[in-house]
Amino acid sequence: MDLKDYQDKAWSFAIDTAKNPRYVSAGLIAEVGEFYDIEAKYVRDGGDVVELERKAKKELGDILWFVAAKASINGWNLQEIAEGNISKLQARRDFGTIQGSGDDR
């Protein structure tokens, strides 16, 4: 499955309230927080690394859903976004600017 297929399938699960741009933005932030909460608790309490990975992958899936939803709301193609990101990273590596700050390097 490519990212455009994922985006279309993921969006098919969006209920009406999930199509609100503010909800999607807040939900994305919340899911990133949940992802890092899992890691923080693992660092604090220890535990089974397999269980940590299982939980982290589920949260990454939720993050991916919200990223795809944000793209869908804006009429953007997630596949094209991903390809553009790889092109940007390749150019940065080619120009020796993979490290550093600023978007236009």
PDB file of N, CA and C in Angstrom:
ATOM      1  N   MET A   1       0.842  -1.170   0.000  1.00  0.00           N
ATOM      2  CA  MET A   1       0.000   0.000   0.000  1.00  0.00           C
ATOM      3  C   MET A   1       0.891   1.238   0.000  1.00  0.00           C
ATOM      4  N   ASP A   2       0.614   2.162  -0.909  1.00  0.00           N
ATOM      5  CA  ASP A   2       1.379   3.402  -0.893  1.00  0.00           C
ATOM      6  C   ASP A   2       0.675   4.407   0.027  1.00  0.00           C
ATOM      7  N   LEU A   3       1.302   5.540   0.233  1.00  0.00           N
ATOM      8  CA  LEU A   3       0.759   6.514   1.179  1.00  0.00           C
ATOM      9  C   LEU A   3      -0.576   7.104   0.725  1.00  0.00           C
ATOM     10  N   LYS A   4      -0.776   7.260  -0.556  1.00  0.00           N
ATOM     11  CA  LYS A   4      -2.057   7.775  -1.049  1.00  0.00           C
ATOM     12  C   LYS A   4      -3.165   6.774  -0.758  1.00  0.00           C
ATOM     13  N   ASP A   5      -2.893   5.483  -0.957  1.00  0.00           N
ATOM     14  CA  ASP A   5      -3.877   4.455  -0.617  1.00  0.00           C
ATOM     15  C   ASP A   5      -4.184   4.495   0.878  1.00  0.00           C
ATOM     16  N   TYR A   6      -3.129   4.588   1.678  1.00  0.00           N
ATOM     17  CA  TYR A   6      -3.329   4.670   3.129  1.00  0.00           C
ATOM     18  C   TYR A   6      -4.195   5.881   3.475  1.00  0.00           C
ATOM     19  N   GLN A   7      -3.850   7.025   2.896  1.00  0.00           N
ATOM     20  CA  GLN A   7      -4.578   8.256   3.186  1.00  0.00           C
ATOM     21  C   GLN A   7      -6.071   8.085   2.877  1.00  0.00           C
ATOM     22  N   ASP A   8      -6.369   7.546   1.723  1.00  0.00           N
ATOM     23  CA  ASP A   8      -7.768   7.360   1.329  1.00  0.00           C
ATOM     24  C   ASP A   8      -8.489   6.389   2.262  1.00  0.00           C
ATOM     25  N   LYS A   9      -7.838   5.288   2.590  1.00  0.00           N
ATOM     26  CA  LYS A   9      -8.467   4.297   3.479  1.00  0.00           C
ATOM     27  C   LYS A   9      -8.619   4.852   4.891  1.00  0.00           C
ATOM     28  N   ALA A  10      -7.595   5.526   5.384  1.00  0.00           N
ATOM     29  CA  ALA A  10      -7.657   6.094   6.730  1.00  0.00           C
ATOM     30  C   ALA A  10      -8.773   7.124   6.825  1.00  0.00           C
ATOM     31  N   TRP A  11      -8.889   7.971   5.808  1.00  0.00           N
ATOM     32  CA  TRP A  11      -9.902   9.030   5.811  1.00  0.00           C
ATOM     33  C   TRP A  11     -11.308   8.449   5.802  1.00  0.00           C
ATOM     34  N   SER A  12     -11.466   7.247   5.268  1.00  0.00           N
ATOM     35  CA  SER A  12     -12.794   6.627   5.223  1.00  0.00           C
ATOM     36  C   SER A  12     -13.319   6.320   6.624  1.00  0.00           C
ATOM     37  N   PHE A  13     -12.455   6.326   7.626  1.00  0.00           N
ATOM     38  CA  PHE A  13     -12.868   6.065   9.005  1.00  0.00           C
ATOM     39  C   PHE A  13     -13.201   7.342   9.771  1.00  0.00           C
ATOM     40  N   ALA A  14     -13.001   8.498   9.160  1.00  0.00           N
ATOM     41  CA  ALA A  14     -13.230   9.768   9.844  1.00  0.00           C
ATOM     42  C   ALA A  14     -14.726  10.020  10.006  1.00  0.00           C
ATOM     43  N   ILE A  15     -15.142  10.169  11.257  1.00  0.00           N
ATOM     44  CA  ILE A  15     -16.522  10.576  11.516  1.00  0.00           C
ATOM     45  C   ILE A  15     -16.608  12.091  11.334  1.00  0.00           C
ATOM     46  N   ASP A  16     -17.798  12.633  11.288  1.00  0.00           N
ATOM     47  CA  ASP A  16     -17.974  14.059  10.987  1.00  0.00           C
ATOM     48  C   ASP A  16     -17.145  14.960  11.896  1.00  0.00           C
ATOM     49  N   THR A  17     -17.156  14.699  13.190  1.00  0.00           N
ATOM     50  CA  THR A  17     -16.399  15.574  14.097  1.00  0.00           C
ATOM     51  C   THR A  17     -14.896  15.454  13.881  1.00  0.00           C
ATOM     52  N   ALA A  18     -14.447  14.324  13.363  1.00  0.00           N
ATOM     53  CA  ALA A  18     -13.013  14.136  13.109  1.00  0.00           C
ATOM     54  C   ALA A  18     -12.554  14.884  11.871  1.00  0.00           C
ATOM     55  N   LYS A  19     -13.475  15.474  11.147  1.00  0.00           N
ATOM     56  CA  LYS A  19     -13.122  16.231   9.948  1.00  0.00           C
ATOM     57  C   LYS A  19     -12.922  17.718  10.253  1.00  0.00           C
ATOM     58  N   ASN A  20     -12.987  18.071  11.507  1.00  0.00           N
ATOM     59  CA  ASN A  20     -12.775  19.445  11.949  1.00  0.00           C
ATOM     60  C   ASN A  20     -11.264  19.703  12.022  1.00  0.00           C
ATOM     61  N   PRO A  21     -10.754  20.702  11.312  1.00  0.00           N
ATOM     62  CA  PRO A  21      -9.314  20.955  11.308  1.00  0.00           C
ATOM     63  C   PRO A  21      -8.720  21.183  12.699  1.00  0.00           C
ATOM     64  N   ARG A  22      -9.458  21.836  13.565  1.00  0.00           N
ATOM     65  CA  ARG A  22      -8.950  22.071  14.927  1.00  0.00           C
ATOM     66  C   ARG A  22      -8.828  20.760  15.687  1.00  0.00           C
ATOM     67  N   TYR A  23      -9.808  19.869  15.516  1.00  0.00           N
ATOM     68  CA  TYR A  23      -9.745  18.564  16.156  1.00  0.00           C
ATOM     69  C   TYR A  23      -8.524  17.788  15.668  1.00  0.00           C
ATOM     70  N   VAL A  24      -8.299  17.818  14.367  1.00  0.00           N
ATOM     71  CA  VAL A  24      -7.175  17.061  13.800  1.00  0.00           C
ATOM     72  C   VAL A  24      -5.843  17.598  14.314  1.00  0.00           C
ATOM     73  N   SER A  25      -5.692  18.909  14.374  1.00  0.00           N
ATOM     74  CA  SER A  25      -4.447  19.489  14.880  1.00  0.00           C
ATOM     75  C   SER A  25      -4.228  19.126  16.345  1.00  0.00           C
ATOM     76  N   ALA A  26      -5.277  19.280  17.150  1.00  0.00           N
ATOM     77  CA  ALA A  26      -5.159  18.949  18.578  1.00  0.00           C
ATOM     78  C   ALA A  26      -4.935  17.455  18.771  1.00  0.00           C
ATOM     79  N   GLY A  27      -5.616  16.636  17.974  1.00  0.00           N
ATOM     80  CA  GLY A  27      -5.456  15.184  18.082  1.00  0.00           C
ATOM     81  C   GLY A  27      -4.056  14.738  17.746  1.00  0.00           C
ATOM     82  N   LEU A  28      -3.456  15.350  16.738  1.00  0.00           N
ATOM     83  CA  LEU A  28      -2.081  15.013  16.359  1.00  0.00           C
ATOM     84  C   LEU A  28      -1.127  15.307  17.515  1.00  0.00           C
ATOM     85  N   ILE A  29      -1.275  16.476  18.101  1.00  0.00           N
ATOM     86  CA  ILE A  29      -0.422  16.843  19.230  1.00  0.00           C
ATOM     87  C   ILE A  29      -0.621  15.874  20.394  1.00  0.00           C
ATOM     88  N   ALA A  30      -1.872  15.528  20.674  1.00  0.00           N
ATOM     89  CA  ALA A  30      -2.170  14.598  21.765  1.00  0.00           C
ATOM     90  C   ALA A  30      -1.542  13.228  21.520  1.00  0.00           C
ATOM     91  N   GLU A  31      -1.615  12.742  20.288  1.00  0.00           N
ATOM     92  CA  GLU A  31      -1.050  11.423  19.982  1.00  0.00           C
ATOM     93  C   GLU A  31       0.471  11.433  20.099  1.00  0.00           C
ATOM     94  N   VAL A  32       1.113  12.517  19.685  1.00  0.00           N
ATOM     95  CA  VAL A  32       2.567  12.617  19.860  1.00  0.00           C
ATOM     96  C   VAL A  32       2.897  12.577  21.347  1.00  0.00           C
ATOM     97  N   GLY A  33       2.091  13.262  22.148  1.00  0.00           N
ATOM     98  CA  GLY A  33       2.285  13.220  23.598  1.00  0.00           C
ATOM     99  C   GLY A  33       2.138  11.813  24.153  1.00  0.00           C
ATOM    100  N   GLU A  34       1.138  11.082  23.679  1.00  0.00           N
ATOM    101  CA  GLU A  34       0.945   9.705  24.132  1.00  0.00           C
ATOM    102  C   GLU A  34       2.139   8.828  23.748  1.00  0.00           C
ATOM    103  N   PHE A  35       2.665   9.048  22.557  1.00  0.00           N
ATOM    104  CA  PHE A  35       3.837   8.291  22.113  1.00  0.00           C
ATOM    105  C   PHE A  35       5.003   8.510  23.077  1.00  0.00           C
ATOM    106  N   TYR A  36       5.268   9.755  23.409  1.00  0.00           N
ATOM    107  CA  TYR A  36       6.389  10.051  24.301  1.00  0.00           C
ATOM    108  C   TYR A  36       6.100   9.679  25.746  1.00  0.00           C
ATOM    109  N   ASP A  37       4.835   9.638  26.134  1.00  0.00           N
ATOM    110  CA  ASP A  37       4.473   9.191  27.466  1.00  0.00           C
ATOM    111  C   ASP A  37       4.844   7.720  27.659  1.00  0.00           C
ATOM    112  N   ILE A  38       4.641   6.925  26.628  1.00  0.00           N
ATOM    113  CA  ILE A  38       5.021   5.508  26.689  1.00  0.00           C
ATOM    114  C   ILE A  38       6.523   5.382  26.937  1.00  0.00           C
ATOM    115  N   GLU A  39       7.307   6.156  26.193  1.00  0.00           N
ATOM    116  CA  GLU A  39       8.757   6.104  26.362  1.00  0.00           C
ATOM    117  C   GLU A  39       9.181   6.611  27.740  1.00  0.00           C
ATOM    118  N   ALA A  40       8.558   7.692  28.193  1.00  0.00           N
ATOM    119  CA  ALA A  40       8.905   8.246  29.507  1.00  0.00           C
ATOM    120  C   ALA A  40       8.651   7.223  30.611  1.00  0.00           C
ATOM    121  N   LYS A  41       7.515   6.544  30.543  1.00  0.00           N
ATOM    122  CA  LYS A  41       7.200   5.534  31.556  1.00  0.00           C
ATOM    123  C   LYS A  41       8.152   4.355  31.479  1.00  0.00           C
ATOM    124  N   TYR A  42       8.589   4.017  30.276  1.00  0.00           N
ATOM    125  CA  TYR A  42       9.561   2.935  30.125  1.00  0.00           C
ATOM    126  C   TYR A  42      10.892   3.328  30.750  1.00  0.00           C
ATOM    127  N   VAL A  43      11.320   4.562  30.510  1.00  0.00           N
ATOM    128  CA  VAL A  43      12.581   5.039  31.090  1.00  0.00           C
ATOM    129  C   VAL A  43      12.470   5.075  32.613  1.00  0.00           C
ATOM    130  N   ARG A  44      11.331   5.555  33.108  1.00  0.00           N
ATOM    131  CA  ARG A  44      11.131   5.684  34.548  1.00  0.00           C
ATOM    132  C   ARG A  44      10.994   4.340  35.242  1.00  0.00           C
ATOM    133  N   ASP A  45      10.165   3.447  34.667  1.00  0.00           N
ATOM    134  CA  ASP A  45       9.784   2.224  35.353  1.00  0.00           C
ATOM    135  C   ASP A  45      10.460   0.972  34.821  1.00  0.00           C
ATOM    136  N   GLY A  46      11.072   1.072  33.650  1.00  0.00           N
ATOM    137  CA  GLY A  46      11.605  -0.129  33.021  1.00  0.00           C
ATOM    138  C   GLY A  46      10.461  -0.943  32.443  1.00  0.00           C
ATOM    139  N   GLY A  47      10.737  -2.169  32.127  1.00  0.00           N
ATOM    140  CA  GLY A  47       9.683  -3.026  31.598  1.00  0.00           C
ATOM    141  C   GLY A  47      10.153  -3.799  30.391  1.00  0.00           C
ATOM    142  N   ASP A  48       9.203  -4.419  29.778  1.00  0.00           N
ATOM    143  CA  ASP A  48       9.455  -5.295  28.637  1.00  0.00           C
ATOM    144  C   ASP A  48       9.587  -4.467  27.368  1.00  0.00           C
ATOM    145  N   VAL A  49      10.729  -4.564  26.706  1.00  0.00           N
ATOM    146  CA  VAL A  49      10.963  -3.780  25.496  1.00  0.00           C
ATOM    147  C   VAL A  49      10.014  -4.178  24.372  1.00  0.00           C
ATOM    148  N   VAL A  50       9.609  -5.430  24.330  1.00  0.00           N
ATOM    149  CA  VAL A  50       8.661  -5.888  23.305  1.00  0.00           C
ATOM    150  C   VAL A  50       7.309  -5.195  23.505  1.00  0.00           C
ATOM    151  N   GLU A  51       6.891  -5.076  24.763  1.00  0.00           N
ATOM    152  CA  GLU A  51       5.634  -4.385  25.064  1.00  0.00           C
ATOM    153  C   GLU A  51       5.747  -2.902  24.746  1.00  0.00           C
ATOM    154  N   LEU A  52       6.886  -2.309  25.043  1.00  0.00           N
ATOM    155  CA  LEU A  52       7.130  -0.907  24.701  1.00  0.00           C
ATOM    156  C   LEU A  52       6.989  -0.710  23.193  1.00  0.00           C
ATOM    157  N   GLU A  53       7.621  -1.564  22.413  1.00  0.00           N
ATOM    158  CA  GLU A  53       7.554  -1.451  20.962  1.00  0.00           C
ATOM    159  C   GLU A  53       6.134  -1.635  20.448  1.00  0.00           C
ATOM    160  N   ARG A  54       5.396  -2.567  21.019  1.00  0.00           N
ATOM    161  CA  ARG A  54       4.008  -2.805  20.600  1.00  0.00           C
ATOM    162  C   ARG A  54       3.171  -1.550  20.821  1.00  0.00           C
ATOM    163  N   LYS A  55       3.284  -0.973  22.008  1.00  0.00           N
ATOM    164  CA  LYS A  55       2.519   0.235  22.321  1.00  0.00           C
ATOM    165  C   LYS A  55       2.969   1.420  21.460  1.00  0.00           C
ATOM    166  N   ALA A  56       4.272   1.559  21.287  1.00  0.00           N
ATOM    167  CA  ALA A  56       4.797   2.676  20.494  1.00  0.00           C
ATOM    168  C   ALA A  56       4.327   2.586  19.048  1.00  0.00           C
ATOM    169  N   LYS A  57       4.310   1.396  18.476  1.00  0.00           N
ATOM    170  CA  LYS A  57       3.852   1.225  17.092  1.00  0.00           C
ATOM    171  C   LYS A  57       2.378   1.581  16.954  1.00  0.00           C
ATOM    172  N   LYS A  58       1.572   1.230  17.959  1.00  0.00           N
ATOM    173  CA  LYS A  58       0.157   1.597  17.906  1.00  0.00           C
ATOM    174  C   LYS A  58      -0.002   3.113  17.917  1.00  0.00           C
ATOM    175  N   GLU A  59       0.778   3.789  18.760  1.00  0.00           N
ATOM    176  CA  GLU A  59       0.693   5.247  18.819  1.00  0.00           C
ATOM    177  C   GLU A  59       1.198   5.878  17.522  1.00  0.00           C
ATOM    178  N   LEU A  60       2.252   5.320  16.930  1.00  0.00           N
ATOM    179  CA  LEU A  60       2.719   5.838  15.640  1.00  0.00           C
ATOM    180  C   LEU A  60       1.649   5.683  14.571  1.00  0.00           C
ATOM    181  N   GLY A  61       0.892   4.606  14.642  1.00  0.00           N
ATOM    182  CA  GLY A  61      -0.218   4.431  13.724  1.00  0.00           C
ATOM    183  C   GLY A  61      -1.264   5.526  13.904  1.00  0.00           C
ATOM    184  N   ASP A  62      -1.548   5.873  15.159  1.00  0.00           N
ATOM    185  CA  ASP A  62      -2.503   6.957  15.425  1.00  0.00           C
ATOM    186  C   ASP A  62      -1.960   8.292  14.915  1.00  0.00           C
ATOM    187  N   ILE A  63      -0.668   8.518  15.112  1.00  0.00           N
ATOM    188  CA  ILE A  63      -0.033   9.737  14.607  1.00  0.00           C
ATOM    189  C   ILE A  63      -0.158   9.785  13.087  1.00  0.00           C
ATOM    190  N   LEU A  64       0.106   8.662  12.440  1.00  0.00           N
ATOM    191  CA  LEU A  64       0.010   8.597  10.986  1.00  0.00           C
ATOM    192  C   LEU A  64      -1.408   8.905  10.520  1.00  0.00           C
ATOM    193  N   TRP A  65      -2.412   8.405  11.250  1.00  0.00           N
ATOM    194  CA  TRP A  65      -3.791   8.702  10.879  1.00  0.00           C
ATOM    195  C   TRP A  65      -4.041  10.205  10.911  1.00  0.00           C
ATOM    196  N   PHE A  66      -3.590  10.862  11.960  1.00  0.00           N
ATOM    197  CA  PHE A  66      -3.820  12.299  12.071  1.00  0.00           C
ATOM    198  C   PHE A  66      -3.046  13.084  11.010  1.00  0.00           C
ATOM    199  N   VAL A  67      -1.837  12.645  10.678  1.00  0.00           N
ATOM    200  CA  VAL A  67      -1.090  13.302   9.597  1.00  0.00           C
ATOM    201  C   VAL A  67      -1.853  13.150   8.284  1.00  0.00           C
ATOM    202  N   ALA A  68      -2.343  11.950   8.020  1.00  0.00           N
ATOM    203  CA  ALA A  68      -3.119  11.716   6.797  1.00  0.00           C
ATOM    204  C   ALA A  68      -4.409  12.537   6.808  1.00  0.00           C
ATOM    205  N   ALA A  69      -5.040  12.654   7.971  1.00  0.00           N
ATOM    206  CA  ALA A  69      -6.266  13.443   8.075  1.00  0.00           C
ATOM    207  C   ALA A  69      -5.988  14.913   7.798  1.00  0.00           C
ATOM    208  N   LYS A  70      -4.888  15.425   8.332  1.00  0.00           N
ATOM    209  CA  LYS A  70      -4.521  16.827   8.099  1.00  0.00           C
ATOM    210  C   LYS A  70      -4.319  17.060   6.597  1.00  0.00           C
ATOM    211  N   ALA A  71      -3.641  16.123   5.945  1.00  0.00           N
ATOM    212  CA  ALA A  71      -3.442  16.235   4.500  1.00  0.00           C
ATOM    213  C   ALA A  71      -4.782  16.184   3.767  1.00  0.00           C
ATOM    214  N   SER A  72      -5.649  15.280   4.163  1.00  0.00           N
ATOM    215  CA  SER A  72      -6.949  15.134   3.500  1.00  0.00           C
ATOM    216  C   SER A  72      -7.793  16.395   3.648  1.00  0.00           C
ATOM    217  N   ILE A  73      -7.840  16.949   4.833  1.00  0.00           N
ATOM    218  CA  ILE A  73      -8.618  18.160   5.075  1.00  0.00           C
ATOM    219  C   ILE A  73      -8.153  19.291   4.161  1.00  0.00           C
ATOM    220  N   ASN A  74      -6.849  19.348   3.935  1.00  0.00           N
ATOM    221  CA  ASN A  74      -6.279  20.420   3.122  1.00  0.00           C
ATOM    222  C   ASN A  74      -6.231  20.081   1.635  1.00  0.00           C
ATOM    223  N   GLY A  75      -6.674  18.881   1.273  1.00  0.00           N
ATOM    224  CA  GLY A  75      -6.657  18.486  -0.130  1.00  0.00           C
ATOM    225  C   GLY A  75      -5.271  18.160  -0.645  1.00  0.00           C
ATOM    226  N   TRP A  76      -4.385  17.775   0.256  1.00  0.00           N
ATOM    227  CA  TRP A  76      -3.003  17.450  -0.106  1.00  0.00           C
ATOM    228  C   TRP A  76      -2.845  15.945  -0.246  1.00  0.00           C
ATOM    229  N   ASN A  77      -1.944  15.520  -1.114  1.00  0.00           N
ATOM    230  CA  ASN A  77      -1.658  14.120  -1.364  1.00  0.00           C
ATOM    231  C   ASN A  77      -0.466  13.712  -0.504  1.00  0.00           C
ATOM    232  N   LEU A  78      -0.704  12.793   0.442  1.00  0.00           N
ATOM    233  CA  LEU A  78       0.346  12.367   1.374  1.00  0.00           C
ATOM    234  C   LEU A  78       1.531  11.727   0.651  1.00  0.00           C
ATOM    235  N   GLN A  79       1.268  11.022  -0.435  1.00  0.00           N
ATOM    236  CA  GLN A  79       2.345  10.422  -1.224  1.00  0.00           C
ATOM    237  C   GLN A  79       3.265  11.512  -1.777  1.00  0.00           C
ATOM    238  N   GLU A  80       2.666  12.573  -2.321  1.00  0.00           N
ATOM    239  CA  GLU A  80       3.463  13.681  -2.860  1.00  0.00           C
ATOM    240  C   GLU A  80       4.237  14.401  -1.759  1.00  0.00           C
ATOM    241  N   ILE A  81       3.632  14.542  -0.591  1.00  0.00           N
ATOM    242  CA  ILE A  81       4.323  15.170   0.543  1.00  0.00           C
ATOM    243  C   ILE A  81       5.542  14.347   0.924  1.00  0.00           C
ATOM    244  N   ALA A  82       5.378  13.031   1.005  1.00  0.00           N
ATOM    245  CA  ALA A  82       6.491  12.152   1.372  1.00  0.00           C
ATOM    246  C   ALA A  82       7.596  12.209   0.322  1.00  0.00           C
ATOM    247  N   GLU A  83       7.222  12.184  -0.949  1.00  0.00           N
ATOM    248  CA  GLU A  83       8.217  12.252  -2.020  1.00  0.00           C
ATOM    249  C   GLU A  83       8.946  13.595  -1.998  1.00  0.00           C
ATOM    250  N   GLY A  84       8.224  14.679  -1.732  1.00  0.00           N
ATOM    251  CA  GLY A  84       8.845  15.996  -1.624  1.00  0.00           C
ATOM    252  C   GLY A  84       9.821  16.070  -0.468  1.00  0.00           C
ATOM    253  N   ASN A  85       9.481  15.413   0.629  1.00  0.00           N
ATOM    254  CA  ASN A  85      10.372  15.401   1.781  1.00  0.00           C
ATOM    255  C   ASN A  85      11.665  14.656   1.467  1.00  0.00           C
ATOM    256  N   ILE A  86      11.567  13.534   0.774  1.00  0.00           N
ATOM    257  CA  ILE A  86      12.770  12.785   0.391  1.00  0.00           C
ATOM    258  C   ILE A  86      13.622  13.625  -0.555  1.00  0.00           C
ATOM    259  N   SER A  87      13.009  14.324  -1.491  1.00  0.00           N
ATOM    260  CA  SER A  87      13.765  15.199  -2.401  1.00  0.00           C
ATOM    261  C   SER A  87      14.485  16.294  -1.634  1.00  0.00           C
ATOM    262  N   LYS A  88      13.810  16.888  -0.653  1.00  0.00           N
ATOM    263  CA  LYS A  88      14.422  17.931   0.165  1.00  0.00           C
ATOM    264  C   LYS A  88      15.618  17.378   0.929  1.00  0.00           C
ATOM    265  N   LEU A  89      15.445  16.208   1.537  1.00  0.00           N
ATOM    266  CA  LEU A  89      16.541  15.597   2.295  1.00  0.00           C
ATOM    267  C   LEU A  89      17.714  15.236   1.391  1.00  0.00           C
ATOM    268  N   GLN A  90      17.407  14.731   0.203  1.00  0.00           N
ATOM    269  CA  GLN A  90      18.468  14.387  -0.748  1.00  0.00           C
ATOM    270  C   GLN A  90      19.262  15.638  -1.133  1.00  0.00           C
ATOM    271  N   ALA A  91      18.564  16.731  -1.409  1.00  0.00           N
ATOM    272  CA  ALA A  91      19.239  17.987  -1.765  1.00  0.00           C
ATOM    273  C   ALA A  91      20.104  18.485  -0.612  1.00  0.00           C
ATOM    274  N   ARG A  92      19.599  18.383   0.604  1.00  0.00           N
ATOM    275  CA  ARG A  92      20.398  18.807   1.758  1.00  0.00           C
ATOM    276  C   ARG A  92      21.662  17.961   1.885  1.00  0.00           C
ATOM    277  N   ARG A  93      21.520  16.653   1.678  1.00  0.00           N
ATOM    278  CA  ARG A  93      22.708  15.799   1.748  1.00  0.00           C
ATOM    279  C   ARG A  93      23.677  16.161   0.636  1.00  0.00           C
ATOM    280  N   ASP A  94      23.151  16.367  -0.572  1.00  0.00           N
ATOM    281  CA  ASP A  94      24.003  16.712  -1.715  1.00  0.00           C
ATOM    282  C   ASP A  94      24.771  18.012  -1.486  1.00  0.00           C
ATOM    283  N   PHE A  95      24.130  18.982  -0.816  1.00  0.00           N
ATOM    284  CA  PHE A  95      24.762  20.277  -0.585  1.00  0.00           C
ATOM    285  C   PHE A  95      25.468  20.367   0.768  1.00  0.00           C
ATOM    286  N   GLY A  96      25.503  19.243   1.503  1.00  0.00           N
ATOM    287  CA  GLY A  96      26.183  19.220   2.794  1.00  0.00           C
ATOM    288  C   GLY A  96      25.471  20.021   3.869  1.00  0.00           C
ATOM    289  N   THR A  97      24.150  20.149   3.738  1.00  0.00           N
ATOM    290  CA  THR A  97      23.398  20.937   4.719  1.00  0.00           C
ATOM    291  C   THR A  97      22.375  20.077   5.474  1.00  0.00           C
ATOM    292  N   ILE A  98      22.625  18.769   5.558  1.00  0.00           N
ATOM    293  CA  ILE A  98      21.681  17.888   6.255  1.00  0.00           C
ATOM    294  C   ILE A  98      21.622  18.253   7.739  1.00  0.00           C
ATOM    295  N   GLN A  99      22.747  18.763   8.274  1.00  0.00           N
ATOM    296  CA  GLN A  99      22.774  19.262   9.638  1.00  0.00           C
ATOM    297  C   GLN A  99      22.604  20.756   9.609  1.00  0.00           C
ATOM    298  N   GLY A 100      22.063  21.283  10.650  1.00  0.00           N
ATOM    299  CA  GLY A 100      21.909  22.733  10.730  1.00  0.00           C
ATOM    300  C   GLY A 100      20.471  23.100  10.990  1.00  0.00           C
ATOM    301  N   SER A 101      20.170  24.394  10.901  1.00  0.00           N
ATOM    302  CA  SER A 101      18.810  24.840  11.138  1.00  0.00           C
ATOM    303  C   SER A 101      18.311  25.697   9.990  1.00  0.00           C
ATOM    304  N   GLY A 102      17.024  25.818   9.978  1.00  0.00           N
ATOM    305  CA  GLY A 102      16.377  26.592   8.918  1.00  0.00           C
ATOM    306  C   GLY A 102      15.802  25.681   7.850  1.00  0.00           C
ATOM    307  N   ASP A 103      14.646  26.042   7.364  1.00  0.00           N
ATOM    308  CA  ASP A 103      13.970  25.221   6.367  1.00  0.00           C
ATOM    309  C   ASP A 103      14.614  25.318   4.988  1.00  0.00           C
ATOM    310  N   ASP A 104      15.112  26.492   4.648  1.00  0.00           N
ATOM    311  CA  ASP A 104      15.637  26.715   3.299  1.00  0.00           C
ATOM    312  C   ASP A 104      17.149  26.629   3.288  1.00  0.00           C
ATOM    313  N   ARG A 105      17.676  25.445   3.531  1.00  0.00           N
ATOM    314  CA  ARG A 105      19.134  25.280   3.510  1.00  0.00           C
ATOM    315  C   ARG A 105      19.518  24.244   2.496  1.00  0.00           C
TER     316      ARG A 105
END
